[in-house]
Amino acid sequence: IPSSPSQLLKSNNPKPHGQIIVPRSIQLTRSLLYVSNIALSFFLMLVIMTYNAQIILAVLAGAFVGHFIFHRQLTNNESNRGMACH
């Protein structure tokens, strides 16, 4: 039996069901990639808002080629389907 409340918290610290806690260094990398993704999304939104058909077609062609080459894995994760907003 733990002698203090802090020892009790340390000994009985169950992780939430189905969640994995990642180290801070990995979370920092994930956060940097996330903000880079958002910045790129905002930049592409501004590019599309120029209404230049050639640039819009180039962006769409790049999205097609990138998806075709790099998105080959299928998942059963419901939250990972479609074009989710952040």
PDB file of N, CA and C in Angstrom:
ATOM      1  N   ILE A   1       0.849  -1.176   0.000  1.00  0.00           N
ATOM      2  CA  ILE A   1       0.000   0.000   0.000  1.00  0.00           C
ATOM      3  C   ILE A   1       0.897   1.242   0.000  1.00  0.00           C
ATOM      4  N   PRO A   2       0.666   2.170  -0.924  1.00  0.00           N
ATOM      5  CA  PRO A   2       1.464   3.396  -0.968  1.00  0.00           C
ATOM      6  C   PRO A   2       1.238   4.240   0.283  1.00  0.00           C
ATOM      7  N   SER A   3       2.310   4.917   0.714  1.00  0.00           N
ATOM      8  CA  SER A   3       2.228   5.691   1.949  1.00  0.00           C
ATOM      9  C   SER A   3       1.751   7.123   1.734  1.00  0.00           C
ATOM     10  N   SER A   4       1.777   7.617   0.511  1.00  0.00           N
ATOM     11  CA  SER A   4       1.335   8.993   0.267  1.00  0.00           C
ATOM     12  C   SER A   4       0.449   9.044  -0.977  1.00  0.00           C
ATOM     13  N   PRO A   5      -0.363  10.102  -1.096  1.00  0.00           N
ATOM     14  CA  PRO A   5      -1.231  10.224  -2.281  1.00  0.00           C
ATOM     15  C   PRO A   5      -0.445  10.287  -3.588  1.00  0.00           C
ATOM     16  N   SER A   6       0.750  10.917  -3.557  1.00  0.00           N
ATOM     17  CA  SER A   6       1.520  10.997  -4.803  1.00  0.00           C
ATOM     18  C   SER A   6       2.006   9.627  -5.238  1.00  0.00           C
ATOM     19  N   GLN A   7       2.364   8.773  -4.283  1.00  0.00           N
ATOM     20  CA  GLN A   7       2.771   7.413  -4.639  1.00  0.00           C
ATOM     21  C   GLN A   7       1.583   6.623  -5.174  1.00  0.00           C
ATOM     22  N   LEU A   8       0.412   6.878  -4.626  1.00  0.00           N
ATOM     23  CA  LEU A   8      -0.794   6.211  -5.109  1.00  0.00           C
ATOM     24  C   LEU A   8      -1.068   6.590  -6.560  1.00  0.00           C
ATOM     25  N   LEU A   9      -0.913   7.879  -6.887  1.00  0.00           N
ATOM     26  CA  LEU A   9      -1.132   8.320  -8.262  1.00  0.00           C
ATOM     27  C   LEU A   9      -0.114   7.702  -9.203  1.00  0.00           C
ATOM     28  N   LYS A  10       1.132   7.590  -8.761  1.00  0.00           N
ATOM     29  CA  LYS A  10       2.166   7.009  -9.616  1.00  0.00           C
ATOM     30  C   LYS A  10       1.947   5.521  -9.818  1.00  0.00           C
ATOM     31  N   SER A  11       1.498   4.827  -8.777  1.00  0.00           N
ATOM     32  CA  SER A  11       1.344   3.384  -8.885  1.00  0.00           C
ATOM     33  C   SER A  11       0.069   2.994  -9.629  1.00  0.00           C
ATOM     34  N   ASN A  12      -0.985   3.794  -9.501  1.00  0.00           N
ATOM     35  CA  ASN A  12      -2.251   3.498 -10.172  1.00  0.00           C
ATOM     36  C   ASN A  12      -2.525   4.547 -11.230  1.00  0.00           C
ATOM     37  N   ASN A  13      -1.684   4.624 -12.221  1.00  0.00           N
ATOM     38  CA  ASN A  13      -1.841   5.622 -13.275  1.00  0.00           C
ATOM     39  C   ASN A  13      -2.184   4.914 -14.583  1.00  0.00           C
ATOM     40  N   PRO A  14      -3.419   4.407 -14.687  1.00  0.00           N
ATOM     41  CA  PRO A  14      -3.766   3.700 -15.924  1.00  0.00           C
ATOM     42  C   PRO A  14      -3.878   4.674 -17.092  1.00  0.00           C
ATOM     43  N   LYS A  15      -3.402   4.238 -18.238  1.00  0.00           N
ATOM     44  CA  LYS A  15      -3.529   5.047 -19.452  1.00  0.00           C
ATOM     45  C   LYS A  15      -4.965   4.919 -19.958  1.00  0.00           C
ATOM     46  N   PRO A  16      -5.500   5.982 -20.529  1.00  0.00           N
ATOM     47  CA  PRO A  16      -6.846   5.890 -21.105  1.00  0.00           C
ATOM     48  C   PRO A  16      -6.902   4.776 -22.148  1.00  0.00           C
ATOM     49  N   HIS A  17      -8.032   4.130 -22.220  1.00  0.00           N
ATOM     50  CA  HIS A  17      -8.195   2.993 -23.119  1.00  0.00           C
ATOM     51  C   HIS A  17      -7.933   3.392 -24.565  1.00  0.00           C
ATOM     52  N   GLY A  18      -7.027   2.682 -25.221  1.00  0.00           N
ATOM     53  CA  GLY A  18      -6.768   2.894 -26.636  1.00  0.00           C
ATOM     54  C   GLY A  18      -5.894   4.085 -26.961  1.00  0.00           C
ATOM     55  N   GLN A  19      -5.280   4.720 -25.982  1.00  0.00           N
ATOM     56  CA  GLN A  19      -4.441   5.878 -26.254  1.00  0.00           C
ATOM     57  C   GLN A  19      -2.988   5.553 -25.963  1.00  0.00           C
ATOM     58  N   ILE A  20      -2.108   6.130 -26.757  1.00  0.00           N
ATOM     59  CA  ILE A  20      -0.675   5.970 -26.573  1.00  0.00           C
ATOM     60  C   ILE A  20      -0.092   7.356 -26.352  1.00  0.00           C
ATOM     61  N   ILE A  21       0.695   7.506 -25.314  1.00  0.00           N
ATOM     62  CA  ILE A  21       1.354   8.773 -25.028  1.00  0.00           C
ATOM     63  C   ILE A  21       2.717   8.745 -25.710  1.00  0.00           C
ATOM     64  N   VAL A  22       2.970   9.711 -26.583  1.00  0.00           N
ATOM     65  CA  VAL A  22       4.240   9.747 -27.309  1.00  0.00           C
ATOM     66  C   VAL A  22       5.214  10.676 -26.590  1.00  0.00           C
ATOM     67  N   PRO A  23       6.518  10.432 -26.751  1.00  0.00           N
ATOM     68  CA  PRO A  23       7.518  11.315 -26.131  1.00  0.00           C
ATOM     69  C   PRO A  23       7.414  12.735 -26.680  1.00  0.00           C
ATOM     70  N   ARG A  24       7.890  13.692 -25.889  1.00  0.00           N
ATOM     71  CA  ARG A  24       7.797  15.100 -26.280  1.00  0.00           C
ATOM     72  C   ARG A  24       8.546  15.399 -27.573  1.00  0.00           C
ATOM     73  N   SER A  25       9.679  14.749 -27.808  1.00  0.00           N
ATOM     74  CA  SER A  25      10.435  15.018 -29.040  1.00  0.00           C
ATOM     75  C   SER A  25       9.639  14.606 -30.272  1.00  0.00           C
ATOM     76  N   ILE A  26       8.946  13.494 -30.184  1.00  0.00           N
ATOM     77  CA  ILE A  26       8.121  13.045 -31.306  1.00  0.00           C
ATOM     78  C   ILE A  26       6.902  13.947 -31.444  1.00  0.00           C
ATOM     79  N   GLN A  27       6.323  14.361 -30.320  1.00  0.00           N
ATOM     80  CA  GLN A  27       5.168  15.259 -30.375  1.00  0.00           C
ATOM     81  C   GLN A  27       5.557  16.607 -30.965  1.00  0.00           C
ATOM     82  N   LEU A  28       6.776  17.077 -30.669  1.00  0.00           N
ATOM     83  CA  LEU A  28       7.261  18.327 -31.255  1.00  0.00           C
ATOM     84  C   LEU A  28       7.355  18.194 -32.773  1.00  0.00           C
ATOM     85  N   THR A  29       7.900  17.078 -33.244  1.00  0.00           N
ATOM     86  CA  THR A  29       7.996  16.838 -34.684  1.00  0.00           C
ATOM     87  C   THR A  29       6.613  16.762 -35.311  1.00  0.00           C
ATOM     88  N   ARG A  30       5.693  16.052 -34.670  1.00  0.00           N
ATOM     89  CA  ARG A  30       4.329  15.942 -35.190  1.00  0.00           C
ATOM     90  C   ARG A  30       3.651  17.306 -35.244  1.00  0.00           C
ATOM     91  N   SER A  31       3.873  18.131 -34.219  1.00  0.00           N
ATOM     92  CA  SER A  31       3.270  19.465 -34.186  1.00  0.00           C
ATOM     93  C   SER A  31       3.839  20.357 -35.276  1.00  0.00           C
ATOM     94  N   LEU A  32       5.148  20.265 -35.529  1.00  0.00           N
ATOM     95  CA  LEU A  32       5.762  21.044 -36.605  1.00  0.00           C
ATOM     96  C   LEU A  32       5.221  20.620 -37.971  1.00  0.00           C
ATOM     97  N   LEU A  33       5.044  19.321 -38.170  1.00  0.00           N
ATOM     98  CA  LEU A  33       4.467  18.845 -39.428  1.00  0.00           C
ATOM     99  C   LEU A  33       3.017  19.306 -39.570  1.00  0.00           C
ATOM    100  N   TYR A  34       2.274  19.312 -38.473  1.00  0.00           N
ATOM    101  CA  TYR A  34       0.879  19.756 -38.497  1.00  0.00           C
ATOM    102  C   TYR A  34       0.779  21.225 -38.895  1.00  0.00           C
ATOM    103  N   VAL A  35       1.600  22.086 -38.269  1.00  0.00           N
ATOM    104  CA  VAL A  35       1.535  23.512 -38.588  1.00  0.00           C
ATOM    105  C   VAL A  35       2.046  23.761 -40.005  1.00  0.00           C
ATOM    106  N   SER A  36       2.997  22.960 -40.472  1.00  0.00           N
ATOM    107  CA  SER A  36       3.451  23.080 -41.860  1.00  0.00           C
ATOM    108  C   SER A  36       2.329  22.721 -42.825  1.00  0.00           C
ATOM    109  N   ASN A  37       1.567  21.698 -42.481  1.00  0.00           N
ATOM    110  CA  ASN A  37       0.434  21.283 -43.307  1.00  0.00           C
ATOM    111  C   ASN A  37      -0.610  22.395 -43.383  1.00  0.00           C
ATOM    112  N   ILE A  38      -0.891  23.032 -42.267  1.00  0.00           N
ATOM    113  CA  ILE A  38      -1.875  24.114 -42.256  1.00  0.00           C
ATOM    114  C   ILE A  38      -1.364  25.311 -43.050  1.00  0.00           C
ATOM    115  N   ALA A  39      -0.081  25.652 -42.875  1.00  0.00           N
ATOM    116  CA  ALA A  39       0.492  26.783 -43.617  1.00  0.00           C
ATOM    117  C   ALA A  39       0.435  26.519 -45.115  1.00  0.00           C
ATOM    118  N   LEU A  40       0.756  25.295 -45.524  1.00  0.00           N
ATOM    119  CA  LEU A  40       0.681  24.941 -46.943  1.00  0.00           C
ATOM    120  C   LEU A  40      -0.764  25.008 -47.436  1.00  0.00           C
ATOM    121  N   SER A  41      -1.699  24.568 -46.612  1.00  0.00           N
ATOM    122  CA  SER A  41      -3.118  24.640 -46.993  1.00  0.00           C
ATOM    123  C   SER A  41      -3.566  26.079 -47.205  1.00  0.00           C
ATOM    124  N   PHE A  42      -3.158  26.971 -46.302  1.00  0.00           N
ATOM    125  CA  PHE A  42      -3.509  28.387 -46.460  1.00  0.00           C
ATOM    126  C   PHE A  42      -2.878  28.970 -47.715  1.00  0.00           C
ATOM    127  N   PHE A  43      -1.620  28.615 -47.977  1.00  0.00           N
ATOM    128  CA  PHE A  43      -0.945  29.115 -49.171  1.00  0.00           C
ATOM    129  C   PHE A  43      -1.655  28.631 -50.434  1.00  0.00           C
ATOM    130  N   LEU A  44      -2.020  27.353 -50.465  1.00  0.00           N
ATOM    131  CA  LEU A  44      -2.724  26.823 -51.637  1.00  0.00           C
ATOM    132  C   LEU A  44      -4.100  27.460 -51.795  1.00  0.00           C
ATOM    133  N   MET A  45      -4.753  27.783 -50.683  1.00  0.00           N
ATOM    134  CA  MET A  45      -6.036  28.480 -50.769  1.00  0.00           C
ATOM    135  C   MET A  45      -5.852  29.840 -51.440  1.00  0.00           C
ATOM    136  N   LEU A  46      -4.794  30.552 -51.067  1.00  0.00           N
ATOM    137  CA  LEU A  46      -4.527  31.847 -51.695  1.00  0.00           C
ATOM    138  C   LEU A  46      -4.193  31.689 -53.175  1.00  0.00           C
ATOM    139  N   VAL A  47      -3.459  30.628 -53.524  1.00  0.00           N
ATOM    140  CA  VAL A  47      -3.141  30.370 -54.933  1.00  0.00           C
ATOM    141  C   VAL A  47      -4.420  30.135 -55.718  1.00  0.00           C
ATOM    142  N   ILE A  48      -5.321  29.315 -55.177  1.00  0.00           N
ATOM    143  CA  ILE A  48      -6.589  29.032 -55.859  1.00  0.00           C
ATOM    144  C   ILE A  48      -7.416  30.311 -55.996  1.00  0.00           C
ATOM    145  N   MET A  49      -7.341  31.193 -55.008  1.00  0.00           N
ATOM    146  CA  MET A  49      -8.135  32.422 -55.044  1.00  0.00           C
ATOM    147  C   MET A  49      -7.619  33.436 -56.066  1.00  0.00           C
ATOM    148  N   THR A  50      -6.500  33.156 -56.725  1.00  0.00           N
ATOM    149  CA  THR A  50      -6.045  34.039 -57.805  1.00  0.00           C
ATOM    150  C   THR A  50      -6.899  33.845 -59.050  1.00  0.00           C
ATOM    151  N   TYR A  51      -7.631  32.744 -59.122  1.00  0.00           N
ATOM    152  CA  TYR A  51      -8.479  32.396 -60.261  1.00  0.00           C
ATOM    153  C   TYR A  51      -7.689  32.272 -61.562  1.00  0.00           C
ATOM    154  N   ASN A  52      -6.412  31.916 -61.457  1.00  0.00           N
ATOM    155  CA  ASN A  52      -5.593  31.662 -62.631  1.00  0.00           C
ATOM    156  C   ASN A  52      -5.747  30.181 -62.968  1.00  0.00           C
ATOM    157  N   ALA A  53      -6.388  29.876 -64.084  1.00  0.00           N
ATOM    158  CA  ALA A  53      -6.717  28.494 -64.430  1.00  0.00           C
ATOM    159  C   ALA A  53      -5.481  27.618 -64.553  1.00  0.00           C
ATOM    160  N   GLN A  54      -4.396  28.147 -65.094  1.00  0.00           N
ATOM    161  CA  GLN A  54      -3.187  27.343 -65.252  1.00  0.00           C
ATOM    162  C   GLN A  54      -2.592  26.960 -63.898  1.00  0.00           C
ATOM    163  N   ILE A  55      -2.580  27.893 -62.962  1.00  0.00           N
ATOM    164  CA  ILE A  55      -2.045  27.584 -61.633  1.00  0.00           C
ATOM    165  C   ILE A  55      -2.959  26.600 -60.912  1.00  0.00           C
ATOM    166  N   ILE A  56      -4.265  26.790 -61.045  1.00  0.00           N
ATOM    167  CA  ILE A  56      -5.214  25.875 -60.409  1.00  0.00           C
ATOM    168  C   ILE A  56      -5.041  24.466 -60.960  1.00  0.00           C
ATOM    169  N   LEU A  57      -4.904  24.330 -62.272  1.00  0.00           N
ATOM    170  CA  LEU A  57      -4.688  23.009 -62.868  1.00  0.00           C
ATOM    171  C   LEU A  57      -3.367  22.405 -62.417  1.00  0.00           C
ATOM    172  N   ALA A  58      -2.322  23.226 -62.265  1.00  0.00           N
ATOM    173  CA  ALA A  58      -1.036  22.719 -61.786  1.00  0.00           C
ATOM    174  C   ALA A  58      -1.150  22.210 -60.348  1.00  0.00           C
ATOM    175  N   VAL A  59      -1.893  22.930 -59.500  1.00  0.00           N
ATOM    176  CA  VAL A  59      -2.092  22.488 -58.115  1.00  0.00           C
ATOM    177  C   VAL A  59      -2.870  21.178 -58.085  1.00  0.00           C
ATOM    178  N   LEU A  60      -3.928  21.085 -58.879  1.00  0.00           N
ATOM    179  CA  LEU A  60      -4.723  19.856 -58.920  1.00  0.00           C
ATOM    180  C   LEU A  60      -3.913  18.683 -59.465  1.00  0.00           C
ATOM    181  N   ALA A  61      -3.102  18.923 -60.492  1.00  0.00           N
ATOM    182  CA  ALA A  61      -2.252  17.859 -61.034  1.00  0.00           C
ATOM    183  C   ALA A  61      -1.233  17.410 -59.985  1.00  0.00           C
ATOM    184  N   GLY A  62      -0.671  18.358 -59.241  1.00  0.00           N
ATOM    185  CA  GLY A  62       0.267  18.005 -58.180  1.00  0.00           C
ATOM    186  C   GLY A  62      -0.392  17.201 -57.077  1.00  0.00           C
ATOM    187  N   ALA A  63      -1.624  17.556 -56.724  1.00  0.00           N
ATOM    188  CA  ALA A  63      -2.363  16.802 -55.713  1.00  0.00           C
ATOM    189  C   ALA A  63      -2.641  15.382 -56.199  1.00  0.00           C
ATOM    190  N   PHE A  64      -2.993  15.248 -57.479  1.00  0.00           N
ATOM    191  CA  PHE A  64      -3.254  13.925 -58.050  1.00  0.00           C
ATOM    192  C   PHE A  64      -2.002  13.061 -58.020  1.00  0.00           C
ATOM    193  N   VAL A  65      -0.901  13.601 -58.510  1.00  0.00           N
ATOM    194  CA  VAL A  65       0.350  12.827 -58.573  1.00  0.00           C
ATOM    195  C   VAL A  65       0.838  12.482 -57.164  1.00  0.00           C
ATOM    196  N   GLY A  66       0.785  13.453 -56.246  1.00  0.00           N
ATOM    197  CA  GLY A  66       1.213  13.192 -54.875  1.00  0.00           C
ATOM    198  C   GLY A  66       0.372  12.127 -54.199  1.00  0.00           C
ATOM    199  N   HIS A  67      -0.938  12.185 -54.398  1.00  0.00           N
ATOM    200  CA  HIS A  67      -1.823  11.181 -53.810  1.00  0.00           C
ATOM    201  C   HIS A  67      -1.566   9.808 -54.431  1.00  0.00           C
ATOM    202  N   PHE A  68      -1.373   9.769 -55.733  1.00  0.00           N
ATOM    203  CA  PHE A  68      -1.141   8.505 -56.429  1.00  0.00           C
ATOM    204  C   PHE A  68       0.153   7.848 -55.965  1.00  0.00           C
ATOM    205  N   ILE A  69       1.207   8.632 -55.794  1.00  0.00           N
ATOM    206  CA  ILE A  69       2.513   8.070 -55.447  1.00  0.00           C
ATOM    207  C   ILE A  69       2.629   7.756 -53.953  1.00  0.00           C
ATOM    208  N   PHE A  70       2.172   8.658 -53.091  1.00  0.00           N
ATOM    209  CA  PHE A  70       2.476   8.541 -51.670  1.00  0.00           C
ATOM    210  C   PHE A  70       1.346   8.009 -50.799  1.00  0.00           C
ATOM    211  N   HIS A  71       0.140   7.920 -51.292  1.00  0.00           N
ATOM    212  CA  HIS A  71      -0.984   7.496 -50.456  1.00  0.00           C
ATOM    213  C   HIS A  71      -1.460   6.122 -50.894  1.00  0.00           C
ATOM    214  N   ARG A  72      -0.634   5.110 -50.639  1.00  0.00           N
ATOM    215  CA  ARG A  72      -0.939   3.766 -51.107  1.00  0.00           C
ATOM    216  C   ARG A  72      -1.530   2.879 -50.020  1.00  0.00           C
ATOM    217  N   GLN A  73      -1.523   3.309 -48.774  1.00  0.00           N
ATOM    218  CA  GLN A  73      -2.004   2.470 -47.685  1.00  0.00           C
ATOM    219  C   GLN A  73      -3.471   2.757 -47.392  1.00  0.00           C
ATOM    220  N   LEU A  74      -4.216   1.698 -47.118  1.00  0.00           N
ATOM    221  CA  LEU A  74      -5.611   1.825 -46.710  1.00  0.00           C
ATOM    222  C   LEU A  74      -5.696   1.564 -45.216  1.00  0.00           C
ATOM    223  N   THR A  75      -6.535   2.315 -44.510  1.00  0.00           N
ATOM    224  CA  THR A  75      -6.714   2.101 -43.078  1.00  0.00           C
ATOM    225  C   THR A  75      -8.187   1.904 -42.774  1.00  0.00           C
ATOM    226  N   ASN A  76      -8.446   1.308 -41.624  1.00  0.00           N
ATOM    227  CA  ASN A  76      -9.823   1.141 -41.145  1.00  0.00           C
ATOM    228  C   ASN A  76     -10.227   2.265 -40.213  1.00  0.00           C
ATOM    229  N   ASN A  77      -9.337   3.211 -39.983  1.00  0.00           N
ATOM    230  CA  ASN A  77      -9.584   4.298 -39.050  1.00  0.00           C
ATOM    231  C   ASN A  77     -10.598   5.272 -39.648  1.00  0.00           C
ATOM    232  N   GLU A  78     -11.733   5.421 -38.995  1.00  0.00           N
ATOM    233  CA  GLU A  78     -12.799   6.292 -39.495  1.00  0.00           C
ATOM    234  C   GLU A  78     -12.374   7.755 -39.555  1.00  0.00           C
ATOM    235  N   SER A  79     -11.514   8.193 -38.616  1.00  0.00           N
ATOM    236  CA  SER A  79     -11.132   9.602 -38.571  1.00  0.00           C
ATOM    237  C   SER A  79     -10.135   9.959 -39.660  1.00  0.00           C
ATOM    238  N   ASN A  80      -9.677   8.988 -40.418  1.00  0.00           N
ATOM    239  CA  ASN A  80      -8.639   9.230 -41.414  1.00  0.00           C
ATOM    240  C   ASN A  80      -9.196   9.176 -42.833  1.00  0.00           C
ATOM    241  N   ARG A  81     -10.491   9.304 -42.999  1.00  0.00           N
ATOM    242  CA  ARG A  81     -11.101   9.196 -44.325  1.00  0.00           C
ATOM    243  C   ARG A  81     -11.438  10.564 -44.887  1.00  0.00           C
ATOM    244  N   GLY A  82     -11.300  10.693 -46.190  1.00  0.00           N
ATOM    245  CA  GLY A  82     -11.735  11.905 -46.866  1.00  0.00           C
ATOM    246  C   GLY A  82     -10.842  13.096 -46.617  1.00  0.00           C
ATOM    247  N   MET A  83     -11.327  14.243 -47.065  1.00  0.00           N
ATOM    248  CA  MET A  83     -10.586  15.485 -46.893  1.00  0.00           C
ATOM    249  C   MET A  83     -11.082  16.177 -45.633  1.00  0.00           C
ATOM    250  N   ALA A  84     -10.557  15.783 -44.503  1.00  0.00           N
ATOM    251  CA  ALA A  84     -10.971  16.370 -43.231  1.00  0.00           C
ATOM    252  C   ALA A  84     -10.305  17.723 -43.042  1.00  0.00           C
ATOM    253  N   CYS A  85     -11.019  18.635 -42.434  1.00  0.00           N
ATOM    254  CA  CYS A  85     -10.441  19.946 -42.109  1.00  0.00           C
ATOM    255  C   CYS A  85      -9.735  19.841 -40.776  1.00  0.00           C
ATOM    256  N   HIS A  86      -8.474  19.746 -40.805  1.00  0.00           N
ATOM    257  CA  HIS A  86      -7.581  19.721 -39.645  1.00  0.00           C
ATOM    258  C   HIS A  86      -8.052  18.686 -38.676  1.00  0.00           C
TER     259      HIS A  86
END
